Amino acid sequence: MIPLFVHKSPRILKSFYSPFVWEIPTEEPVIYLTFDDGPIPDVTEWVMEQLDSYLAKATFFCIGDNVRKHPEVFAQLIAKGHSIGNHTFNHLKGWHTDDETYLENVRQCSEILPVDTSLFRPPYGRIKLSQARPLLNDYHVVMWDVLTGDFEKYLSPERCLEKTLKYTKAGSIVVLHDSLKAWRNMSYVLPRMLEHFSSLGYRFEALPQHIPPSMNLGDATSSPYLVH
């Protein structure tokens, strides 16, 4: 079966949804790893161990209900200096949800997060413009440049890694998942990706989570904003 997604976000899509953040324009050898759907015991903790091995920082788009169920794992993310983003409370698909319910779910996630963040990622990357418009008053809606496809059961770990390495470049925002569903591919891709790009002189940084929506996320320097 052919996976129903593309690894590299097309330029026309980025252009059409230009208010969203797809990548960070830079000539510096920097990659922005992001992880969706956690925190999950063991899985998220394993991810943090891998990142620690390369002094890497990442951004975790957390499901509010998982933060509620696993506060101790979430606390480790904060302690290690990673950035946090809102991923709704119940992992809602915007296309299939009425606007009022969707926005309330985002608010519910915000209330349970013990940190302030201006980063939001819609689950599945699917959100109506009628939902995005009010959110853009409070958040940077962060999409991605590279989708690893680690969640896709029909995609082998080797192919997942191959495509990820092929399309990732300086400034890429890359999506992985700290979830049980993605474990088979993610656990194969992450350490090899960290090793590959580190050997080429790249570093891995977190997206600044305290940049006001009125500011360009790409123009912000990380040092004043990554203090939790």
C-alpha atoms as a PDB file:
ATOM      1  CA  MET A   1       0.000   0.000   0.000  1.00  0.00           C
ATOM      2  CA  ILE A   2       1.276   3.494  -0.858  1.00  0.00           C
ATOM      3  CA  PRO A   3       1.452   5.826   2.167  1.00  0.00           C
ATOM      4  CA  LEU A   4      -1.065   8.675   1.858  1.00  0.00           C
ATOM      5  CA  PHE A   5       1.255  11.565   2.664  1.00  0.00           C
ATOM      6  CA  VAL A   6       4.245  13.419   1.238  1.00  0.00           C
ATOM      7  CA  HIS A   7       7.547  13.636   3.078  1.00  0.00           C
ATOM      8  CA  LYS A   8       8.400  17.137   1.841  1.00  0.00           C
ATOM      9  CA  SER A   9       5.794  19.878   2.163  1.00  0.00           C
ATOM     10  CA  PRO A  10       5.172  21.312  -1.341  1.00  0.00           C
ATOM     11  CA  ARG A  11       5.977  24.962  -1.993  1.00  0.00           C
ATOM     12  CA  ILE A  12       2.465  25.649  -3.229  1.00  0.00           C
ATOM     13  CA  LEU A  13       1.031  24.426   0.078  1.00  0.00           C
ATOM     14  CA  LYS A  14       3.427  26.636   2.046  1.00  0.00           C
ATOM     15  CA  SER A  15       2.502  29.576  -0.151  1.00  0.00           C
ATOM     16  CA  PHE A  16      -1.252  29.053   0.184  1.00  0.00           C
ATOM     17  CA  TYR A  17      -1.013  28.745   3.975  1.00  0.00           C
ATOM     18  CA  SER A  18       1.664  31.411   4.319  1.00  0.00           C
ATOM     19  CA  PRO A  19       0.559  32.598   7.813  1.00  0.00           C
ATOM     20  CA  PHE A  20       1.632  29.203   9.153  1.00  0.00           C
ATOM     21  CA  VAL A  21       5.235  28.375  10.054  1.00  0.00           C
ATOM     22  CA  TRP A  22       6.717  25.678   7.792  1.00  0.00           C
ATOM     23  CA  GLU A  23      10.457  26.158   8.249  1.00  0.00           C
ATOM     24  CA  ILE A  24      12.939  28.635   9.726  1.00  0.00           C
ATOM     25  CA  PRO A  25      14.845  30.452   6.967  1.00  0.00           C
ATOM     26  CA  THR A  26      18.536  30.256   7.847  1.00  0.00           C
ATOM     27  CA  GLU A  27      21.939  29.535   6.414  1.00  0.00           C
ATOM     28  CA  GLU A  28      23.085  28.176   9.746  1.00  0.00           C
ATOM     29  CA  PRO A  29      23.417  24.371  10.076  1.00  0.00           C
ATOM     30  CA  VAL A  30      20.380  24.076  12.361  1.00  0.00           C
ATOM     31  CA  ILE A  31      17.533  21.552  12.314  1.00  0.00           C
ATOM     32  CA  TYR A  32      14.333  21.840  14.349  1.00  0.00           C
ATOM     33  CA  LEU A  33      13.104  18.439  15.508  1.00  0.00           C
ATOM     34  CA  THR A  34       9.518  18.349  16.720  1.00  0.00           C
ATOM     35  CA  PHE A  35       7.641  15.526  18.420  1.00  0.00           C
ATOM     36  CA  ASP A  36       3.853  15.174  18.427  1.00  0.00           C
ATOM     37  CA  ASP A  37       1.357  13.324  20.628  1.00  0.00           C
ATOM     38  CA  GLY A  38       3.215  12.837  23.919  1.00  0.00           C
ATOM     39  CA  PRO A  39       4.109  12.801  26.639  1.00  0.00           C
ATOM     40  CA  ILE A  40       4.134   9.010  26.944  1.00  0.00           C
ATOM     41  CA  PRO A  41       6.045   7.069  29.641  1.00  0.00           C
ATOM     42  CA  ASP A  42       9.080   5.173  28.321  1.00  0.00           C
ATOM     43  CA  VAL A  43       8.697   6.505  24.766  1.00  0.00           C
ATOM     44  CA  THR A  44       9.114  10.209  25.552  1.00  0.00           C
ATOM     45  CA  GLU A  45      11.768   9.386  28.127  1.00  0.00           C
ATOM     46  CA  TRP A  46      13.703   7.357  25.540  1.00  0.00           C
ATOM     47  CA  VAL A  47      13.495  10.294  23.123  1.00  0.00           C
ATOM     48  CA  MET A  48      14.940  12.613  25.760  1.00  0.00           C
ATOM     49  CA  GLU A  49      17.839  10.208  26.325  1.00  0.00           C
ATOM     50  CA  GLN A  50      18.640  10.184  22.621  1.00  0.00           C
ATOM     51  CA  LEU A  51      18.538  13.969  22.442  1.00  0.00           C
ATOM     52  CA  ASP A  52      20.755  14.266  25.508  1.00  0.00           C
ATOM     53  CA  SER A  53      23.388  12.126  23.797  1.00  0.00           C
ATOM     54  CA  TYR A  54      23.835  14.835  21.164  1.00  0.00           C
ATOM     55  CA  LEU A  55      23.147  17.892  23.362  1.00  0.00           C
ATOM     56  CA  ALA A  56      20.072  18.363  21.190  1.00  0.00           C
ATOM     57  CA  LYS A  57      16.952  20.337  22.038  1.00  0.00           C
ATOM     58  CA  ALA A  58      13.550  19.770  20.455  1.00  0.00           C
ATOM     59  CA  THR A  59       9.962  20.994  20.542  1.00  0.00           C
ATOM     60  CA  PHE A  60       7.234  18.743  21.921  1.00  0.00           C
ATOM     61  CA  PHE A  61       3.666  19.383  20.801  1.00  0.00           C
ATOM     62  CA  CYS A  62       1.788  17.819  23.678  1.00  0.00           C
ATOM     63  CA  ILE A  63      -1.724  16.441  23.924  1.00  0.00           C
ATOM     64  CA  GLY A  64      -3.351  17.957  26.980  1.00  0.00           C
ATOM     65  CA  ASP A  65      -4.864  14.703  28.184  1.00  0.00           C
ATOM     66  CA  ASN A  66      -1.435  13.039  28.075  1.00  0.00           C
ATOM     67  CA  VAL A  67       0.001  15.887  30.149  1.00  0.00           C
ATOM     68  CA  ARG A  68      -2.811  15.291  32.628  1.00  0.00           C
ATOM     69  CA  LYS A  69      -2.099  11.557  32.793  1.00  0.00           C
ATOM     70  CA  HIS A  70       1.707  11.779  32.825  1.00  0.00           C
ATOM     71  CA  PRO A  71       2.744  15.004  34.593  1.00  0.00           C
ATOM     72  CA  GLU A  72       6.028  13.492  35.753  1.00  0.00           C
ATOM     73  CA  VAL A  73       7.147  12.837  32.177  1.00  0.00           C
ATOM     74  CA  PHE A  74       6.077  16.322  31.132  1.00  0.00           C
ATOM     75  CA  ALA A  75       8.096  17.770  34.013  1.00  0.00           C
ATOM     76  CA  GLN A  76      11.204  16.075  32.617  1.00  0.00           C
ATOM     77  CA  LEU A  77      10.716  17.860  29.290  1.00  0.00           C
ATOM     78  CA  ILE A  78      10.687  21.187  31.070  1.00  0.00           C
ATOM     79  CA  ALA A  79      13.657  20.319  33.260  1.00  0.00           C
ATOM     80  CA  LYS A  80      15.738  19.409  30.220  1.00  0.00           C
ATOM     81  CA  GLY A  81      15.007  22.701  28.482  1.00  0.00           C
ATOM     82  CA  HIS A  82      12.892  21.512  25.579  1.00  0.00           C
ATOM     83  CA  SER A  83      10.157  23.710  24.128  1.00  0.00           C
ATOM     84  CA  ILE A  84       6.475  22.939  24.482  1.00  0.00           C
ATOM     85  CA  GLY A  85       3.604  23.417  22.055  1.00  0.00           C
ATOM     86  CA  ASN A  86      -0.158  22.968  22.258  1.00  0.00           C
ATOM     87  CA  HIS A  87      -1.551  19.981  20.289  1.00  0.00           C
ATOM     88  CA  THR A  88      -5.176  20.197  21.546  1.00  0.00           C
ATOM     89  CA  PHE A  89      -6.469  18.307  24.570  1.00  0.00           C
ATOM     90  CA  ASN A  90      -7.873  15.285  22.713  1.00  0.00           C
ATOM     91  CA  HIS A  91      -5.949  15.232  19.420  1.00  0.00           C
ATOM     92  CA  LEU A  92      -8.871  16.570  17.442  1.00  0.00           C
ATOM     93  CA  LYS A  93      -8.942  16.615  13.656  1.00  0.00           C
ATOM     94  CA  GLY A  94     -10.021  20.120  12.730  1.00  0.00           C
ATOM     95  CA  TRP A  95     -11.647  19.151   9.441  1.00  0.00           C
ATOM     96  CA  HIS A  96     -14.094  16.895  11.301  1.00  0.00           C
ATOM     97  CA  THR A  97     -14.762  19.163  14.285  1.00  0.00           C
ATOM     98  CA  ASP A  98     -16.975  22.235  14.602  1.00  0.00           C
ATOM     99  CA  ASP A  99     -15.085  25.446  15.328  1.00  0.00           C
ATOM    100  CA  GLU A 100     -16.425  26.048  18.825  1.00  0.00           C
ATOM    101  CA  THR A 101     -15.514  22.541  20.003  1.00  0.00           C
ATOM    102  CA  TYR A 102     -12.073  22.737  18.402  1.00  0.00           C
ATOM    103  CA  LEU A 103     -11.151  26.105  19.902  1.00  0.00           C
ATOM    104  CA  GLU A 104     -12.423  25.016  23.312  1.00  0.00           C
ATOM    105  CA  ASN A 105     -10.210  21.910  23.093  1.00  0.00           C
ATOM    106  CA  VAL A 106      -7.184  24.100  22.356  1.00  0.00           C
ATOM    107  CA  ARG A 107      -8.071  26.277  25.342  1.00  0.00           C
ATOM    108  CA  GLN A 108      -8.460  23.191  27.535  1.00  0.00           C
ATOM    109  CA  CYS A 109      -4.974  22.051  26.574  1.00  0.00           C
ATOM    110  CA  SER A 110      -3.574  25.518  27.282  1.00  0.00           C
ATOM    111  CA  GLU A 111      -5.080  25.503  30.755  1.00  0.00           C
ATOM    112  CA  ILE A 112      -3.497  22.215  31.743  1.00  0.00           C
ATOM    113  CA  LEU A 113      -0.039  23.079  30.417  1.00  0.00           C
ATOM    114  CA  PRO A 114       1.975  24.454  33.367  1.00  0.00           C
ATOM    115  CA  VAL A 115       3.958  26.679  30.989  1.00  0.00           C
ATOM    116  CA  ASP A 116       3.007  29.460  28.600  1.00  0.00           C
ATOM    117  CA  THR A 117       3.563  28.784  24.928  1.00  0.00           C
ATOM    118  CA  SER A 118       2.785  30.575  21.688  1.00  0.00           C
ATOM    119  CA  LEU A 119       3.324  27.404  19.628  1.00  0.00           C
ATOM    120  CA  PHE A 120       0.405  25.376  18.294  1.00  0.00           C
ATOM    121  CA  ARG A 121       0.295  22.452  15.889  1.00  0.00           C
ATOM    122  CA  PRO A 122      -3.010  21.079  14.588  1.00  0.00           C
ATOM    123  CA  PRO A 123      -3.248  17.283  14.899  1.00  0.00           C
ATOM    124  CA  TYR A 124      -2.834  15.607  11.496  1.00  0.00           C
ATOM    125  CA  GLY A 125      -1.971  19.070  10.156  1.00  0.00           C
ATOM    126  CA  ARG A 126      -5.667  19.474   9.387  1.00  0.00           C
ATOM    127  CA  ILE A 127      -7.327  22.661  10.448  1.00  0.00           C
ATOM    128  CA  LYS A 128     -10.026  24.880   8.944  1.00  0.00           C
ATOM    129  CA  LEU A 129      -9.147  28.468   8.171  1.00  0.00           C
ATOM    130  CA  SER A 130     -12.096  29.466  10.357  1.00  0.00           C
ATOM    131  CA  GLN A 131     -10.312  27.727  13.257  1.00  0.00           C
ATOM    132  CA  ALA A 132      -6.840  29.001  12.381  1.00  0.00           C
ATOM    133  CA  ARG A 133      -7.775  32.677  12.135  1.00  0.00           C
ATOM    134  CA  PRO A 134      -8.657  33.172  15.830  1.00  0.00           C
ATOM    135  CA  LEU A 135      -5.746  30.973  16.920  1.00  0.00           C
ATOM    136  CA  LEU A 136      -3.281  33.153  15.030  1.00  0.00           C
ATOM    137  CA  ASN A 137      -4.082  35.918  17.514  1.00  0.00           C
ATOM    138  CA  ASP A 138      -2.441  33.862  20.271  1.00  0.00           C
ATOM    139  CA  TYR A 139      -0.246  31.298  18.540  1.00  0.00           C
ATOM    140  CA  HIS A 140       2.219  30.599  15.802  1.00  0.00           C
ATOM    141  CA  VAL A 141       0.599  27.722  13.906  1.00  0.00           C
ATOM    142  CA  VAL A 142       3.580  25.455  13.297  1.00  0.00           C
ATOM    143  CA  MET A 143       3.414  22.964  10.459  1.00  0.00           C
ATOM    144  CA  TRP A 144       6.507  21.272   8.978  1.00  0.00           C
ATOM    145  CA  ASP A 145       9.000  21.127   6.171  1.00  0.00           C
ATOM    146  CA  VAL A 146       9.629  17.366   6.519  1.00  0.00           C
ATOM    147  CA  LEU A 147       7.165  14.699   7.633  1.00  0.00           C
ATOM    148  CA  THR A 148       9.074  11.546   8.534  1.00  0.00           C
ATOM    149  CA  GLY A 149       6.021   9.283   8.268  1.00  0.00           C
ATOM    150  CA  ASP A 150       7.115   7.375  11.353  1.00  0.00           C
ATOM    151  CA  PHE A 151       3.433   6.709  12.122  1.00  0.00           C
ATOM    152  CA  GLU A 152       2.895   4.847   8.835  1.00  0.00           C
ATOM    153  CA  LYS A 153       2.804   1.071   9.357  1.00  0.00           C
ATOM    154  CA  TYR A 154       3.292   0.412   5.637  1.00  0.00           C
ATOM    155  CA  LEU A 155       6.558   2.366   5.611  1.00  0.00           C
ATOM    156  CA  SER A 156       9.691   0.444   6.593  1.00  0.00           C
ATOM    157  CA  PRO A 157      12.075   2.022   9.110  1.00  0.00           C
ATOM    158  CA  GLU A 158      14.809   2.054   6.461  1.00  0.00           C
ATOM    159  CA  ARG A 159      12.629   3.895   3.935  1.00  0.00           C
ATOM    160  CA  CYS A 160      11.474   6.309   6.606  1.00  0.00           C
ATOM    161  CA  LEU A 161      15.088   7.183   7.395  1.00  0.00           C
ATOM    162  CA  GLU A 162      16.070   7.427   3.734  1.00  0.00           C
ATOM    163  CA  LYS A 163      13.361   9.948   2.911  1.00  0.00           C
ATOM    164  CA  THR A 164      13.970  11.964   6.072  1.00  0.00           C
ATOM    165  CA  LEU A 165      17.685  12.330   5.400  1.00  0.00           C
ATOM    166  CA  LYS A 166      17.026  13.183   1.759  1.00  0.00           C
ATOM    167  CA  TYR A 167      14.676  16.088   2.399  1.00  0.00           C
ATOM    168  CA  THR A 168      15.981  17.601   5.642  1.00  0.00           C
ATOM    169  CA  LYS A 169      18.056  20.749   5.247  1.00  0.00           C
ATOM    170  CA  ALA A 170      19.161  23.752   7.268  1.00  0.00           C
ATOM    171  CA  GLY A 171      16.131  25.334   8.880  1.00  0.00           C
ATOM    172  CA  SER A 172      13.863  22.325   8.371  1.00  0.00           C
ATOM    173  CA  ILE A 173      11.112  21.722  10.892  1.00  0.00           C
ATOM    174  CA  VAL A 174      10.910  17.922  11.072  1.00  0.00           C
ATOM    175  CA  VAL A 175       7.998  15.946  12.524  1.00  0.00           C
ATOM    176  CA  LEU A 176       8.395  12.756  14.530  1.00  0.00           C
ATOM    177  CA  HIS A 177       6.013  11.255  17.076  1.00  0.00           C
ATOM    178  CA  ASP A 178       6.750  10.203  20.654  1.00  0.00           C
ATOM    179  CA  SER A 179       3.898   7.720  20.555  1.00  0.00           C
ATOM    180  CA  LEU A 180       3.453   3.966  20.727  1.00  0.00           C
ATOM    181  CA  LYS A 181       2.050   3.930  17.182  1.00  0.00           C
ATOM    182  CA  ALA A 182       5.212   5.482  15.760  1.00  0.00           C
ATOM    183  CA  TRP A 183       7.680   3.608  17.969  1.00  0.00           C
ATOM    184  CA  ARG A 184       8.879   1.072  15.383  1.00  0.00           C
ATOM    185  CA  ASN A 185       9.970   3.701  12.861  1.00  0.00           C
ATOM    186  CA  MET A 186      10.755   6.570  15.199  1.00  0.00           C
ATOM    187  CA  SER A 187      13.102   4.504  17.352  1.00  0.00           C
ATOM    188  CA  TYR A 188      15.016   3.540  14.213  1.00  0.00           C
ATOM    189  CA  VAL A 189      15.108   6.989  12.612  1.00  0.00           C
ATOM    190  CA  LEU A 190      15.885   9.296  15.529  1.00  0.00           C
ATOM    191  CA  PRO A 191      19.316   8.017  16.662  1.00  0.00           C
ATOM    192  CA  ARG A 192      20.501   7.601  13.068  1.00  0.00           C
ATOM    193  CA  MET A 193      19.273  11.050  12.111  1.00  0.00           C
ATOM    194  CA  LEU A 194      20.997  12.610  15.106  1.00  0.00           C
ATOM    195  CA  GLU A 195      24.229  10.819  14.270  1.00  0.00           C
ATOM    196  CA  HIS A 196      24.101  11.628  10.550  1.00  0.00           C
ATOM    197  CA  PHE A 197      23.502  15.360  10.815  1.00  0.00           C
ATOM    198  CA  SER A 198      25.746  15.819  13.851  1.00  0.00           C
ATOM    199  CA  SER A 199      28.609  14.315  11.855  1.00  0.00           C
ATOM    200  CA  LEU A 200      27.964  16.959   9.189  1.00  0.00           C
ATOM    201  CA  GLY A 201      28.212  19.772  11.725  1.00  0.00           C
ATOM    202  CA  TYR A 202      24.516  20.391  12.287  1.00  0.00           C
ATOM    203  CA  ARG A 203      22.989  21.219  15.637  1.00  0.00           C
ATOM    204  CA  PHE A 204      19.438  20.599  16.824  1.00  0.00           C
ATOM    205  CA  GLU A 205      17.527  23.422  18.457  1.00  0.00           C
ATOM    206  CA  ALA A 206      14.072  23.963  19.931  1.00  0.00           C
ATOM    207  CA  LEU A 207      11.649  26.477  18.523  1.00  0.00           C
ATOM    208  CA  PRO A 208      11.279  29.503  20.833  1.00  0.00           C
ATOM    209  CA  GLN A 209       7.986  29.092  22.627  1.00  0.00           C
ATOM    210  CA  HIS A 210       7.548  32.606  24.008  1.00  0.00           C
ATOM    211  CA  ILE A 211       7.613  34.657  20.799  1.00  0.00           C
ATOM    212  CA  PRO A 212       4.449  36.776  20.498  1.00  0.00           C
ATOM    213  CA  PRO A 213       2.358  35.934  17.423  1.00  0.00           C
ATOM    214  CA  SER A 214       2.988  39.459  16.119  1.00  0.00           C
ATOM    215  CA  MET A 215       6.692  38.642  15.752  1.00  0.00           C
ATOM    216  CA  ASN A 216       8.290  36.493  13.071  1.00  0.00           C
ATOM    217  CA  LEU A 217       9.325  33.199  14.626  1.00  0.00           C
ATOM    218  CA  GLY A 218      12.252  32.928  12.226  1.00  0.00           C
ATOM    219  CA  ASP A 219      13.658  36.327  13.191  1.00  0.00           C
ATOM    220  CA  ALA A 220      13.694  35.597  16.903  1.00  0.00           C
ATOM    221  CA  THR A 221      16.879  34.622  18.667  1.00  0.00           C
ATOM    222  CA  SER A 222      16.456  31.689  21.019  1.00  0.00           C
ATOM    223  CA  SER A 223      18.374  32.865  24.073  1.00  0.00           C
ATOM    224  CA  PRO A 224      15.836  35.313  25.573  1.00  0.00           C
ATOM    225  CA  TYR A 225      12.857  33.087  24.911  1.00  0.00           C
ATOM    226  CA  LEU A 226      13.816  29.536  25.791  1.00  0.00           C
ATOM    227  CA  VAL A 227      13.898  30.093  29.531  1.00  0.00           C
ATOM    228  CA  HIS A 228      10.960  28.174  31.013  1.00  0.00           C
END
